[in-house]
């Protein structure tokens, strides 16, 4: 199976399993010869940002007194960046996270953080594979 076929299969799987939604297709449409690295740049930024935010959330939730407003602000940020790249599962988990945050439940927040982390790293791994395949394909052009 060549890289282009692998890439198509990977993306189809990411849509079929609900990792990505149509917003990601919108991003792909914005990529053109004048901005050939547009999608990879957006995805890379999303991954760096997500990792930073998850780290901040973990730190906030470890404190003796949790500042739920700050937690909510970070979750809101992650939800926004997830929505902008079409990261549907991460975005939906952030929606749940914000609901738990409203209840000011540290346990609920910690459980939801684990869920967000799992969804995010699953997506990040697939995004990294996608970027490697794209590089491989561009190398042959």
N, C-alpha and C. Protein backbone atom coordinates (compact mmCIF):
# COMPACT_ATOMS: atom_id res chain seq x y z
N UNK A 1 0.86 -1.19 0.00
CA UNK A 1 0.00 0.00 0.00
C UNK A 1 0.90 1.25 0.00
N UNK A 2 0.69 2.15 -0.96
CA UNK A 2 1.53 3.35 -1.01
C UNK A 2 1.07 4.38 0.02
N UNK A 3 1.89 5.42 0.21
CA UNK A 3 1.64 6.43 1.24
C UNK A 3 0.31 7.15 1.03
N UNK A 4 -0.02 7.45 -0.23
CA UNK A 4 -1.26 8.18 -0.51
C UNK A 4 -2.48 7.33 -0.09
N UNK A 5 -2.42 6.03 -0.38
CA UNK A 5 -3.51 5.13 -0.01
C UNK A 5 -3.60 5.02 1.51
N UNK A 6 -2.43 4.92 2.16
CA UNK A 6 -2.39 4.84 3.62
C UNK A 6 -2.99 6.11 4.24
N UNK A 7 -2.63 7.26 3.66
CA UNK A 7 -3.12 8.55 4.17
C UNK A 7 -4.64 8.62 4.04
N UNK A 8 -5.16 8.24 2.89
CA UNK A 8 -6.61 8.24 2.67
C UNK A 8 -7.31 7.32 3.66
N UNK A 9 -6.74 6.12 3.86
CA UNK A 9 -7.32 5.15 4.80
C UNK A 9 -7.31 5.71 6.23
N UNK A 10 -6.20 6.34 6.60
CA UNK A 10 -6.07 6.91 7.94
C UNK A 10 -7.13 8.00 8.16
N UNK A 11 -7.22 8.93 7.20
CA UNK A 11 -8.19 10.02 7.33
C UNK A 11 -9.63 9.50 7.35
N UNK A 12 -9.92 8.52 6.47
CA UNK A 12 -11.27 7.94 6.45
C UNK A 12 -11.61 7.34 7.81
N UNK A 13 -10.61 6.66 8.42
CA UNK A 13 -10.80 6.05 9.73
C UNK A 13 -11.03 7.12 10.80
N UNK A 14 -10.28 8.23 10.71
CA UNK A 14 -10.42 9.30 11.70
C UNK A 14 -11.81 9.95 11.62
N UNK A 15 -12.36 10.04 10.41
CA UNK A 15 -13.72 10.57 10.27
C UNK A 15 -14.74 9.53 10.74
N UNK A 16 -14.54 8.26 10.34
CA UNK A 16 -15.49 7.20 10.68
C UNK A 16 -15.60 6.98 12.18
N UNK A 17 -14.49 7.13 12.90
CA UNK A 17 -14.51 6.90 14.35
C UNK A 17 -14.88 8.17 15.13
N UNK A 18 -15.14 9.26 14.41
CA UNK A 18 -15.58 10.47 15.08
C UNK A 18 -14.45 11.30 15.67
N UNK A 19 -13.19 10.94 15.36
CA UNK A 19 -12.07 11.75 15.85
C UNK A 19 -12.11 13.12 15.20
N UNK A 20 -12.45 13.14 13.90
CA UNK A 20 -12.50 14.39 13.15
C UNK A 20 -13.91 14.64 12.63
N UNK A 21 -14.26 15.91 12.45
CA UNK A 21 -15.54 16.25 11.83
C UNK A 21 -15.29 17.11 10.58
N UNK A 22 -16.36 17.64 10.00
CA UNK A 22 -16.25 18.36 8.72
C UNK A 22 -15.38 19.60 8.81
N UNK A 23 -15.16 20.13 10.02
CA UNK A 23 -14.30 21.31 10.16
C UNK A 23 -12.89 21.01 9.63
N UNK A 24 -12.43 19.76 9.80
CA UNK A 24 -11.10 19.40 9.30
C UNK A 24 -11.08 19.46 7.77
N UNK A 25 -12.19 19.06 7.15
CA UNK A 25 -12.29 19.14 5.68
C UNK A 25 -12.23 20.60 5.24
N UNK A 26 -12.83 21.49 6.03
CA UNK A 26 -12.77 22.93 5.72
C UNK A 26 -11.31 23.39 5.72
N UNK A 27 -10.56 22.92 6.72
CA UNK A 27 -9.13 23.27 6.81
C UNK A 27 -8.39 22.80 5.57
N UNK A 28 -8.68 21.54 5.17
CA UNK A 28 -8.00 20.98 4.00
C UNK A 28 -8.28 21.82 2.75
N UNK A 29 -9.48 22.36 2.67
CA UNK A 29 -9.85 23.17 1.50
C UNK A 29 -9.10 24.49 1.45
N UNK A 30 -8.63 24.96 2.63
CA UNK A 30 -7.89 26.22 2.68
C UNK A 30 -6.44 26.05 2.23
N UNK A 31 -6.01 24.79 2.13
CA UNK A 31 -4.63 24.55 1.71
C UNK A 31 -4.57 24.60 0.18
N UNK A 32 -3.64 25.38 -0.32
CA UNK A 32 -3.46 25.46 -1.77
C UNK A 32 -1.98 25.67 -2.07
N UNK A 33 -1.60 25.75 -3.34
CA UNK A 33 -0.17 25.89 -3.66
C UNK A 33 0.51 27.09 -2.98
N UNK A 34 -0.25 28.15 -2.67
CA UNK A 34 0.36 29.31 -2.02
C UNK A 34 0.61 29.04 -0.53
N UNK A 35 -0.09 28.04 0.03
CA UNK A 35 0.11 27.67 1.43
C UNK A 35 0.11 26.15 1.56
N UNK A 36 1.14 25.49 1.00
CA UNK A 36 1.13 24.02 0.95
C UNK A 36 1.24 23.35 2.32
N UNK A 37 1.75 24.09 3.32
CA UNK A 37 1.92 23.50 4.65
C UNK A 37 0.86 23.96 5.64
N UNK A 38 -0.21 24.57 5.11
CA UNK A 38 -1.23 25.16 5.97
C UNK A 38 -1.77 24.16 7.01
N UNK A 39 -2.25 23.00 6.54
CA UNK A 39 -2.85 22.03 7.45
C UNK A 39 -1.82 21.52 8.45
N UNK A 40 -0.62 21.20 7.99
CA UNK A 40 0.38 20.67 8.92
C UNK A 40 0.76 21.70 9.98
N UNK A 41 0.80 22.98 9.59
CA UNK A 41 1.12 24.03 10.57
C UNK A 41 0.01 24.17 11.61
N UNK A 42 -1.24 24.14 11.15
CA UNK A 42 -2.38 24.27 12.06
C UNK A 42 -2.43 23.08 13.02
N UNK A 43 -2.23 21.88 12.47
CA UNK A 43 -2.26 20.66 13.27
C UNK A 43 -1.12 20.65 14.30
N UNK A 44 0.07 21.07 13.87
CA UNK A 44 1.23 21.10 14.76
C UNK A 44 0.99 22.08 15.92
N UNK A 45 0.46 23.26 15.59
CA UNK A 45 0.13 24.24 16.63
C UNK A 45 -0.92 23.71 17.60
N UNK A 46 -1.93 23.05 17.06
CA UNK A 46 -2.98 22.46 17.90
C UNK A 46 -2.37 21.45 18.87
N UNK A 47 -1.46 20.61 18.38
CA UNK A 47 -0.84 19.57 19.22
C UNK A 47 0.01 20.20 20.32
N UNK A 48 0.79 21.24 19.96
CA UNK A 48 1.63 21.91 20.97
C UNK A 48 0.77 22.60 22.02
N UNK A 49 -0.25 23.29 21.54
CA UNK A 49 -1.16 24.02 22.41
C UNK A 49 -1.90 23.07 23.35
N UNK A 50 -2.41 22.00 22.78
CA UNK A 50 -3.16 21.01 23.57
C UNK A 50 -2.32 20.41 24.67
N UNK A 51 -1.09 20.10 24.34
CA UNK A 51 -0.19 19.51 25.33
C UNK A 51 0.06 20.49 26.48
N UNK A 52 0.28 21.75 26.11
CA UNK A 52 0.52 22.80 27.12
C UNK A 52 -0.71 22.96 28.02
N UNK A 53 -1.89 23.03 27.42
CA UNK A 53 -3.13 23.23 28.19
C UNK A 53 -3.39 22.04 29.12
N UNK A 54 -3.20 20.82 28.63
CA UNK A 54 -3.41 19.63 29.46
C UNK A 54 -2.46 19.66 30.66
N UNK A 55 -1.22 20.09 30.42
CA UNK A 55 -0.24 20.24 31.51
C UNK A 55 -0.70 21.26 32.55
N UNK A 56 -1.22 22.39 32.06
CA UNK A 56 -1.72 23.44 32.97
C UNK A 56 -2.91 22.93 33.79
N UNK A 57 -3.81 22.21 33.12
CA UNK A 57 -4.98 21.67 33.82
C UNK A 57 -4.56 20.70 34.92
N UNK A 58 -3.59 19.84 34.61
CA UNK A 58 -3.12 18.87 35.60
C UNK A 58 -2.55 19.60 36.82
N UNK A 59 -1.77 20.67 36.57
CA UNK A 59 -1.18 21.45 37.66
C UNK A 59 -2.28 22.11 38.52
N UNK A 60 -3.25 22.72 37.85
CA UNK A 60 -4.33 23.40 38.57
C UNK A 60 -5.13 22.44 39.45
N UNK A 61 -5.36 21.22 38.92
CA UNK A 61 -6.19 20.26 39.65
C UNK A 61 -5.43 19.58 40.79
N UNK A 62 -4.09 19.73 40.82
CA UNK A 62 -3.28 19.15 41.90
C UNK A 62 -3.24 20.08 43.11
N UNK A 63 -3.55 21.36 42.90
CA UNK A 63 -3.46 22.34 44.00
C UNK A 63 -4.48 22.02 45.08
N UNK A 64 -4.14 22.36 46.34
CA UNK A 64 -5.07 22.09 47.46
C UNK A 64 -6.43 22.77 47.25
N UNK A 65 -6.39 24.00 46.72
CA UNK A 65 -7.63 24.70 46.41
C UNK A 65 -7.68 24.89 44.90
N UNK A 66 -8.66 24.28 44.29
CA UNK A 66 -8.75 24.35 42.83
C UNK A 66 -9.46 25.64 42.41
N UNK A 67 -8.82 26.37 41.49
CA UNK A 67 -9.43 27.57 40.92
C UNK A 67 -10.24 27.11 39.69
N UNK A 68 -11.51 26.78 39.94
CA UNK A 68 -12.33 26.22 38.88
C UNK A 68 -12.55 27.18 37.71
N UNK A 69 -12.50 28.48 37.98
CA UNK A 69 -12.64 29.46 36.90
C UNK A 69 -11.46 29.37 35.94
N UNK A 70 -10.26 29.23 36.50
CA UNK A 70 -9.07 29.09 35.64
C UNK A 70 -9.10 27.77 34.88
N UNK A 71 -9.52 26.71 35.57
CA UNK A 71 -9.64 25.40 34.92
C UNK A 71 -10.60 25.54 33.73
N UNK A 72 -11.75 26.16 33.99
CA UNK A 72 -12.75 26.34 32.95
C UNK A 72 -12.20 27.17 31.79
N UNK A 73 -11.41 28.20 32.10
CA UNK A 73 -10.85 29.04 31.03
C UNK A 73 -9.92 28.22 30.13
N UNK A 74 -9.10 27.36 30.74
CA UNK A 74 -8.21 26.51 29.94
C UNK A 74 -9.00 25.49 29.11
N UNK A 75 -10.02 24.90 29.73
CA UNK A 75 -10.84 23.92 29.00
C UNK A 75 -11.54 24.61 27.83
N UNK A 76 -12.00 25.83 28.07
CA UNK A 76 -12.66 26.61 27.02
C UNK A 76 -11.69 26.85 25.84
N UNK A 77 -10.45 27.16 26.19
CA UNK A 77 -9.41 27.39 25.18
C UNK A 77 -9.17 26.12 24.35
N UNK A 78 -9.05 24.97 25.05
CA UNK A 78 -8.82 23.70 24.36
C UNK A 78 -10.02 23.34 23.49
N UNK A 79 -11.22 23.62 24.00
CA UNK A 79 -12.43 23.35 23.23
C UNK A 79 -12.42 24.16 21.94
N UNK A 80 -12.03 25.43 22.04
CA UNK A 80 -11.99 26.30 20.86
C UNK A 80 -10.98 25.82 19.84
N UNK A 81 -9.77 25.46 20.29
CA UNK A 81 -8.77 25.03 19.32
C UNK A 81 -9.15 23.67 18.73
N UNK A 82 -9.79 22.81 19.54
CA UNK A 82 -10.25 21.51 19.03
C UNK A 82 -11.31 21.72 17.95
N UNK A 83 -12.24 22.62 18.23
CA UNK A 83 -13.30 22.90 17.26
C UNK A 83 -12.70 23.43 15.96
N UNK A 84 -11.67 24.27 16.07
CA UNK A 84 -11.12 24.90 14.87
C UNK A 84 -10.37 23.91 13.97
N UNK A 85 -9.84 22.81 14.54
CA UNK A 85 -9.18 21.80 13.68
C UNK A 85 -10.10 20.62 13.38
N UNK A 86 -11.31 20.64 13.94
CA UNK A 86 -12.23 19.53 13.67
C UNK A 86 -11.99 18.32 14.56
N UNK A 87 -11.33 18.54 15.70
CA UNK A 87 -11.06 17.44 16.64
C UNK A 87 -12.32 17.18 17.47
N UNK A 88 -13.24 16.44 16.87
CA UNK A 88 -14.58 16.29 17.42
C UNK A 88 -14.61 15.64 18.81
N UNK A 89 -13.89 14.53 19.00
CA UNK A 89 -13.93 13.84 20.29
C UNK A 89 -13.32 14.69 21.40
N UNK A 90 -12.22 15.36 21.10
CA UNK A 90 -11.59 16.22 22.11
C UNK A 90 -12.55 17.36 22.46
N UNK A 91 -13.15 17.96 21.44
CA UNK A 91 -14.10 19.06 21.66
C UNK A 91 -15.27 18.60 22.53
N UNK A 92 -15.86 17.45 22.20
CA UNK A 92 -17.01 16.94 22.96
C UNK A 92 -16.64 16.64 24.40
N UNK A 93 -15.43 16.12 24.62
CA UNK A 93 -14.98 15.83 25.98
C UNK A 93 -14.77 17.14 26.75
N UNK A 94 -14.33 18.18 26.04
CA UNK A 94 -14.18 19.50 26.68
C UNK A 94 -15.53 20.05 27.12
N UNK A 95 -16.57 19.78 26.34
CA UNK A 95 -17.92 20.22 26.70
C UNK A 95 -18.31 19.56 28.03
N UNK A 96 -18.07 18.23 28.14
CA UNK A 96 -18.35 17.50 29.39
C UNK A 96 -17.52 18.09 30.53
N UNK A 97 -16.24 18.36 30.23
CA UNK A 97 -15.31 18.90 31.23
C UNK A 97 -15.85 20.20 31.81
N UNK A 98 -16.36 21.08 30.95
CA UNK A 98 -16.87 22.37 31.41
C UNK A 98 -18.10 22.17 32.30
N UNK A 99 -18.93 21.16 31.99
CA UNK A 99 -20.11 20.87 32.82
C UNK A 99 -19.67 20.44 34.22
N UNK A 100 -18.66 19.55 34.28
CA UNK A 100 -18.15 19.06 35.56
C UNK A 100 -17.50 20.21 36.33
N UNK A 101 -16.86 21.10 35.60
CA UNK A 101 -16.20 22.26 36.19
C UNK A 101 -17.22 23.17 36.87
N UNK A 102 -18.38 23.32 36.25
CA UNK A 102 -19.46 24.14 36.82
C UNK A 102 -19.89 23.57 38.18
N UNK A 103 -19.81 22.24 38.31
CA UNK A 103 -20.20 21.58 39.56
C UNK A 103 -19.10 21.69 40.63
N UNK A 104 -17.95 22.22 40.21
CA UNK A 104 -16.79 22.37 41.09
C UNK A 104 -16.39 21.04 41.74
N UNK A 105 -16.40 19.99 40.91
CA UNK A 105 -16.02 18.66 41.40
C UNK A 105 -14.60 18.33 40.95
N UNK A 106 -13.67 18.31 41.91
CA UNK A 106 -12.28 17.99 41.58
C UNK A 106 -12.20 16.57 41.00
N UNK A 107 -12.89 15.61 41.64
CA UNK A 107 -12.85 14.22 41.15
C UNK A 107 -13.38 14.14 39.72
N UNK A 108 -14.49 14.82 39.50
CA UNK A 108 -15.08 14.82 38.15
C UNK A 108 -14.12 15.43 37.14
N UNK A 109 -13.47 16.52 37.55
CA UNK A 109 -12.51 17.19 36.67
C UNK A 109 -11.31 16.28 36.38
N UNK A 110 -10.81 15.60 37.41
CA UNK A 110 -9.66 14.70 37.21
C UNK A 110 -10.02 13.55 36.27
N UNK A 111 -11.22 12.99 36.46
CA UNK A 111 -11.67 11.90 35.58
C UNK A 111 -11.79 12.40 34.14
N UNK A 112 -12.38 13.59 33.98
CA UNK A 112 -12.58 14.14 32.64
C UNK A 112 -11.25 14.54 32.01
N UNK A 113 -10.31 15.01 32.84
CA UNK A 113 -8.98 15.33 32.32
C UNK A 113 -8.34 14.08 31.74
N UNK A 114 -8.49 12.94 32.43
CA UNK A 114 -7.96 11.67 31.91
C UNK A 114 -8.57 11.35 30.55
N UNK A 115 -9.87 11.56 30.44
CA UNK A 115 -10.57 11.32 29.17
C UNK A 115 -10.04 12.24 28.07
N UNK A 116 -9.92 13.53 28.39
CA UNK A 116 -9.42 14.51 27.42
C UNK A 116 -8.01 14.12 26.99
N UNK A 117 -7.19 13.74 27.97
CA UNK A 117 -5.80 13.35 27.69
C UNK A 117 -5.77 12.16 26.73
N UNK A 118 -6.59 11.15 27.01
CA UNK A 118 -6.66 9.95 26.16
C UNK A 118 -7.08 10.32 24.74
N UNK A 119 -8.16 11.10 24.63
CA UNK A 119 -8.66 11.50 23.31
C UNK A 119 -7.60 12.33 22.57
N UNK A 120 -6.97 13.26 23.29
CA UNK A 120 -6.00 14.16 22.68
C UNK A 120 -4.78 13.39 22.17
N UNK A 121 -4.22 12.50 23.01
CA UNK A 121 -3.01 11.78 22.60
C UNK A 121 -3.30 10.77 21.50
N UNK A 122 -4.51 10.21 21.50
CA UNK A 122 -4.91 9.32 20.41
C UNK A 122 -4.92 10.11 19.10
N UNK A 123 -5.54 11.27 19.14
CA UNK A 123 -5.62 12.13 17.96
C UNK A 123 -4.23 12.62 17.55
N UNK A 124 -3.44 13.04 18.53
CA UNK A 124 -2.10 13.55 18.23
C UNK A 124 -1.25 12.48 17.52
N UNK A 125 -1.35 11.25 17.99
CA UNK A 125 -0.61 10.15 17.36
C UNK A 125 -1.02 9.97 15.90
N UNK A 126 -2.32 10.04 15.65
CA UNK A 126 -2.82 9.88 14.28
C UNK A 126 -2.43 11.08 13.42
N UNK A 127 -2.48 12.28 14.01
CA UNK A 127 -2.04 13.48 13.28
C UNK A 127 -0.56 13.36 12.90
N UNK A 128 0.27 12.84 13.83
CA UNK A 128 1.70 12.69 13.53
C UNK A 128 1.91 11.72 12.38
N UNK A 129 1.16 10.62 12.39
CA UNK A 129 1.24 9.65 11.28
C UNK A 129 0.82 10.32 9.98
N UNK A 130 -0.26 11.10 10.05
CA UNK A 130 -0.76 11.80 8.86
C UNK A 130 0.31 12.74 8.31
N UNK A 131 0.97 13.50 9.18
CA UNK A 131 2.00 14.45 8.74
C UNK A 131 3.20 13.71 8.13
N UNK A 132 3.57 12.57 8.72
CA UNK A 132 4.68 11.78 8.16
C UNK A 132 4.33 11.26 6.77
N UNK A 133 3.10 10.78 6.61
CA UNK A 133 2.67 10.28 5.30
C UNK A 133 2.66 11.41 4.27
N UNK A 134 2.17 12.59 4.69
CA UNK A 134 2.14 13.73 3.77
C UNK A 134 3.55 14.13 3.34
N UNK A 135 4.49 14.14 4.30
CA UNK A 135 5.89 14.46 3.97
C UNK A 135 6.44 13.45 2.96
N UNK A 136 6.12 12.19 3.22
CA UNK A 136 6.57 11.10 2.36
C UNK A 136 6.05 11.32 0.92
N UNK A 137 4.76 11.65 0.84
CA UNK A 137 4.11 11.86 -0.47
C UNK A 137 4.74 13.08 -1.16
N UNK A 138 4.93 14.18 -0.41
CA UNK A 138 5.53 15.39 -1.00
C UNK A 138 6.95 15.12 -1.47
N UNK A 139 7.63 14.24 -0.77
CA UNK A 139 9.01 13.89 -1.16
C UNK A 139 9.07 13.25 -2.53
N UNK A 140 7.97 12.62 -2.94
CA UNK A 140 7.95 11.92 -4.23
C UNK A 140 7.44 12.80 -5.37
N UNK A 141 7.00 14.02 -5.04
CA UNK A 141 6.44 14.89 -6.10
C UNK A 141 7.54 15.62 -6.82
